[in-house]
N, C-alpha and C. Protein backbone atom coordinates (compact mmCIF):
# COMPACT_ATOMS: atom_id res chain seq x y z
N MET A 1 17.79 -10.49 -52.06
CA MET A 1 17.52 -9.82 -53.32
C MET A 1 18.40 -10.45 -54.39
N SER A 2 17.85 -10.67 -55.55
CA SER A 2 18.59 -11.23 -56.68
C SER A 2 18.74 -10.17 -57.75
N TYR A 3 19.78 -10.34 -58.55
CA TYR A 3 20.02 -9.44 -59.67
C TYR A 3 20.06 -10.25 -60.95
N ILE A 4 19.66 -9.61 -62.05
CA ILE A 4 19.69 -10.23 -63.37
C ILE A 4 20.64 -9.41 -64.22
N LYS A 5 21.65 -10.09 -64.80
CA LYS A 5 22.63 -9.41 -65.63
C LYS A 5 22.36 -9.76 -67.10
N LEU A 6 22.37 -8.76 -67.96
CA LEU A 6 22.16 -8.97 -69.38
C LEU A 6 23.47 -9.27 -70.08
N THR A 7 23.44 -10.17 -71.05
CA THR A 7 24.60 -10.44 -71.88
C THR A 7 24.64 -9.39 -73.00
N ALA A 8 25.66 -9.47 -73.83
CA ALA A 8 25.79 -8.54 -74.96
C ALA A 8 24.62 -8.68 -75.93
N LYS A 9 23.98 -9.85 -75.95
CA LYS A 9 22.83 -10.09 -76.83
C LYS A 9 21.51 -9.81 -76.13
N ARG A 10 21.56 -9.13 -74.98
CA ARG A 10 20.39 -8.78 -74.17
C ARG A 10 19.68 -10.01 -73.62
N GLN A 11 20.40 -11.10 -73.44
CA GLN A 11 19.81 -12.29 -72.85
C GLN A 11 20.06 -12.26 -71.34
N ALA A 12 19.17 -12.88 -70.60
CA ALA A 12 19.29 -12.89 -69.14
C ALA A 12 18.95 -14.27 -68.61
N THR A 13 19.54 -14.60 -67.48
CA THR A 13 19.21 -15.83 -66.78
C THR A 13 18.40 -15.45 -65.55
N LEU A 14 17.21 -16.01 -65.44
CA LEU A 14 16.37 -15.71 -64.29
C LEU A 14 16.77 -16.60 -63.13
N PRO A 15 16.76 -16.07 -61.91
CA PRO A 15 17.09 -16.89 -60.75
C PRO A 15 16.12 -18.07 -60.61
N LYS A 16 16.64 -19.21 -60.15
CA LYS A 16 15.83 -20.41 -60.00
C LYS A 16 14.61 -20.16 -59.12
N ALA A 17 14.78 -19.43 -58.03
CA ALA A 17 13.66 -19.17 -57.12
C ALA A 17 12.53 -18.43 -57.85
N LEU A 18 12.89 -17.49 -58.73
CA LEU A 18 11.88 -16.76 -59.50
C LEU A 18 11.16 -17.68 -60.47
N CYS A 19 11.92 -18.53 -61.18
CA CYS A 19 11.31 -19.47 -62.12
C CYS A 19 10.39 -20.44 -61.39
N ASP A 20 10.83 -20.90 -60.21
CA ASP A 20 10.00 -21.82 -59.43
C ASP A 20 8.70 -21.13 -59.02
N GLU A 21 8.80 -19.89 -58.58
CA GLU A 21 7.60 -19.17 -58.13
C GLU A 21 6.65 -18.89 -59.28
N LEU A 22 7.21 -18.54 -60.44
CA LEU A 22 6.37 -18.27 -61.62
C LEU A 22 5.91 -19.56 -62.30
N LYS A 23 6.53 -20.68 -61.91
CA LYS A 23 6.25 -21.99 -62.53
C LYS A 23 6.52 -21.96 -64.03
N VAL A 24 7.71 -21.44 -64.38
CA VAL A 24 8.12 -21.40 -65.78
C VAL A 24 9.35 -22.27 -65.98
N GLU A 25 9.48 -22.77 -67.20
CA GLU A 25 10.59 -23.62 -67.59
C GLU A 25 11.16 -23.09 -68.89
N PRO A 26 12.35 -23.59 -69.29
CA PRO A 26 12.93 -23.15 -70.56
C PRO A 26 11.92 -23.31 -71.70
N GLY A 27 11.80 -22.29 -72.52
CA GLY A 27 10.86 -22.30 -73.64
C GLY A 27 9.54 -21.64 -73.34
N ASP A 28 9.22 -21.43 -72.05
CA ASP A 28 7.98 -20.75 -71.69
C ASP A 28 8.09 -19.26 -71.99
N SER A 29 6.95 -18.61 -72.10
CA SER A 29 6.91 -17.16 -72.34
C SER A 29 6.46 -16.44 -71.08
N ILE A 30 7.00 -15.23 -70.90
CA ILE A 30 6.65 -14.39 -69.76
C ILE A 30 6.24 -13.02 -70.29
N ARG A 31 5.06 -12.58 -69.89
CA ARG A 31 4.58 -11.25 -70.27
C ARG A 31 5.20 -10.24 -69.31
N VAL A 32 5.75 -9.16 -69.87
CA VAL A 32 6.35 -8.10 -69.06
C VAL A 32 5.58 -6.81 -69.34
N GLU A 33 5.14 -6.16 -68.27
CA GLU A 33 4.29 -4.98 -68.42
C GLU A 33 4.68 -3.92 -67.40
N LYS A 34 4.77 -2.67 -67.86
CA LYS A 34 5.07 -1.57 -66.95
C LYS A 34 3.77 -1.09 -66.32
N ARG A 35 3.81 -0.92 -64.99
CA ARG A 35 2.64 -0.44 -64.24
C ARG A 35 3.09 0.64 -63.27
N VAL A 36 2.13 1.43 -62.81
CA VAL A 36 2.40 2.42 -61.77
C VAL A 36 1.71 1.94 -60.51
N ILE A 37 2.53 1.70 -59.48
CA ILE A 37 2.02 1.23 -58.19
C ILE A 37 2.50 2.20 -57.12
N ASP A 38 1.57 2.80 -56.39
CA ASP A 38 1.90 3.78 -55.34
C ASP A 38 2.79 4.90 -55.88
N GLY A 39 2.53 5.31 -57.13
CA GLY A 39 3.28 6.41 -57.72
C GLY A 39 4.64 6.02 -58.29
N HIS A 40 5.00 4.73 -58.22
CA HIS A 40 6.29 4.26 -58.74
C HIS A 40 6.06 3.40 -59.98
N GLU A 41 6.87 3.64 -61.01
CA GLU A 41 6.81 2.79 -62.19
C GLU A 41 7.55 1.50 -61.89
N VAL A 42 6.87 0.39 -62.09
CA VAL A 42 7.47 -0.93 -61.86
C VAL A 42 7.17 -1.83 -63.06
N TRP A 43 8.00 -2.83 -63.24
CA TRP A 43 7.78 -3.82 -64.29
C TRP A 43 7.26 -5.09 -63.64
N CYS A 44 6.17 -5.60 -64.15
CA CYS A 44 5.55 -6.81 -63.62
C CYS A 44 5.71 -7.94 -64.64
N MET A 45 5.98 -9.15 -64.13
CA MET A 45 6.13 -10.32 -64.99
C MET A 45 5.01 -11.31 -64.68
N GLU A 46 4.48 -11.89 -65.75
CA GLU A 46 3.41 -12.87 -65.59
C GLU A 46 3.60 -13.97 -66.63
N PRO A 47 3.60 -15.24 -66.21
CA PRO A 47 3.74 -16.32 -67.19
C PRO A 47 2.56 -16.33 -68.15
N VAL A 48 2.84 -16.63 -69.40
CA VAL A 48 1.79 -16.74 -70.41
C VAL A 48 1.42 -18.21 -70.50
N ARG A 49 0.19 -18.50 -70.17
CA ARG A 49 -0.30 -19.88 -70.22
C ARG A 49 -0.93 -20.11 -71.58
N SER A 50 -0.40 -21.03 -72.32
CA SER A 50 -0.90 -21.32 -73.66
C SER A 50 -1.82 -22.52 -73.63
N ALA A 51 -2.99 -22.38 -74.22
CA ALA A 51 -3.93 -23.49 -74.31
C ALA A 51 -3.47 -24.50 -75.37
N GLU A 52 -2.54 -24.06 -76.24
CA GLU A 52 -2.09 -24.94 -77.31
C GLU A 52 -1.14 -26.02 -76.80
N ARG A 53 -0.41 -25.76 -75.73
CA ARG A 53 0.57 -26.71 -75.23
C ARG A 53 -0.13 -27.72 -74.31
N PRO A 54 -0.03 -29.01 -74.64
CA PRO A 54 -0.64 -30.01 -73.77
C PRO A 54 0.07 -30.07 -72.42
N SER A 55 -0.64 -30.50 -71.39
CA SER A 55 -0.08 -30.52 -70.05
C SER A 55 1.11 -31.47 -69.93
N TRP A 56 1.19 -32.49 -70.78
CA TRP A 56 2.28 -33.46 -70.71
C TRP A 56 3.50 -33.00 -71.48
N PHE A 57 3.40 -31.90 -72.22
CA PHE A 57 4.49 -31.45 -73.08
C PHE A 57 5.77 -31.25 -72.27
N GLY A 58 6.83 -31.85 -72.67
CA GLY A 58 8.11 -31.71 -71.99
C GLY A 58 8.28 -32.63 -70.79
N ALA A 59 7.31 -33.50 -70.53
CA ALA A 59 7.38 -34.36 -69.35
C ALA A 59 8.57 -35.32 -69.42
N LEU A 60 9.01 -35.69 -70.60
CA LEU A 60 10.13 -36.63 -70.73
C LEU A 60 11.48 -35.93 -70.87
N ARG A 61 11.47 -34.60 -70.79
CA ARG A 61 12.70 -33.83 -70.96
C ARG A 61 13.80 -34.29 -70.00
N LYS A 62 13.44 -34.61 -68.75
CA LYS A 62 14.46 -34.99 -67.77
C LYS A 62 15.15 -36.31 -68.15
N TYR A 63 14.47 -37.17 -68.90
CA TYR A 63 15.08 -38.43 -69.31
C TYR A 63 16.02 -38.25 -70.51
N ALA A 64 15.89 -37.16 -71.23
CA ALA A 64 16.72 -36.90 -72.40
C ALA A 64 17.96 -36.09 -72.07
N ALA A 65 18.05 -35.57 -70.86
CA ALA A 65 19.18 -34.73 -70.47
C ALA A 65 20.48 -35.50 -70.60
N GLY A 66 21.45 -34.89 -71.26
CA GLY A 66 22.77 -35.50 -71.40
C GLY A 66 22.86 -36.58 -72.46
N LYS A 67 21.79 -36.83 -73.18
CA LYS A 67 21.80 -37.85 -74.22
C LYS A 67 21.85 -37.19 -75.59
N SER A 68 22.39 -37.93 -76.54
CA SER A 68 22.50 -37.41 -77.91
C SER A 68 21.12 -37.30 -78.55
N HIS A 69 20.95 -36.25 -79.33
CA HIS A 69 19.70 -36.07 -80.06
C HIS A 69 19.94 -36.21 -81.56
N ASP A 70 21.10 -36.79 -81.90
CA ASP A 70 21.44 -37.03 -83.28
C ASP A 70 20.55 -38.15 -83.81
N LEU A 71 19.88 -37.93 -84.92
CA LEU A 71 18.91 -38.89 -85.45
C LEU A 71 19.54 -40.23 -85.78
N ASP A 72 20.76 -40.23 -86.32
CA ASP A 72 21.42 -41.51 -86.63
C ASP A 72 21.70 -42.31 -85.36
N GLU A 73 22.14 -41.64 -84.30
CA GLU A 73 22.40 -42.33 -83.04
C GLU A 73 21.11 -42.86 -82.42
N ILE A 74 20.03 -42.12 -82.56
CA ILE A 74 18.73 -42.59 -82.05
C ILE A 74 18.31 -43.84 -82.80
N ARG A 75 18.46 -43.84 -84.14
CA ARG A 75 18.11 -45.01 -84.94
C ARG A 75 18.93 -46.24 -84.53
N GLU A 76 20.25 -46.03 -84.31
CA GLU A 76 21.11 -47.13 -83.90
C GLU A 76 20.66 -47.68 -82.54
N SER A 77 20.28 -46.81 -81.64
CA SER A 77 19.81 -47.23 -80.32
C SER A 77 18.54 -48.06 -80.43
N VAL A 78 17.62 -47.65 -81.29
CA VAL A 78 16.37 -48.39 -81.49
C VAL A 78 16.67 -49.75 -82.11
N GLU A 79 17.59 -49.79 -83.07
CA GLU A 79 17.96 -51.06 -83.70
C GLU A 79 18.57 -52.01 -82.68
N ARG A 80 19.45 -51.51 -81.80
CA ARG A 80 20.05 -52.35 -80.75
C ARG A 80 18.96 -52.93 -79.84
N ALA A 81 18.00 -52.11 -79.49
CA ALA A 81 16.91 -52.56 -78.62
C ALA A 81 16.09 -53.65 -79.30
N HIS A 82 15.83 -53.50 -80.61
CA HIS A 82 15.06 -54.50 -81.34
C HIS A 82 15.84 -55.82 -81.43
N ARG A 83 17.18 -55.73 -81.60
CA ARG A 83 17.99 -56.95 -81.67
C ARG A 83 17.97 -57.67 -80.32
N LEU A 84 17.98 -56.93 -79.23
CA LEU A 84 17.95 -57.55 -77.90
C LEU A 84 16.60 -58.21 -77.66
N ASP A 85 15.53 -57.59 -78.14
CA ASP A 85 14.18 -58.17 -77.98
C ASP A 85 14.03 -59.45 -78.80
N ALA A 86 14.74 -59.54 -79.92
CA ALA A 86 14.63 -60.70 -80.80
C ALA A 86 15.35 -61.91 -80.24
N VAL A 87 16.27 -61.70 -79.31
CA VAL A 87 17.06 -62.81 -78.76
C VAL A 87 16.27 -63.63 -77.79
């Protein structure tokens, strides 16, 4: 059994096993709905699948991990690559 602890801002971290089972990643939405099952009130979670997000969206995220996202540094990196190609 896993537990979810709320921060002071009511934020929570979902266990990895739950995210894997729901097939959700950071930025995804999850619908939460109260239901009555066998006379007990329970909360059910369901990932929201958006038709607007292309299937490839976020596919390169793993390559950007740990790298700077500063626009000036990105420009410098591109310029270095172009200089190497010109040699």
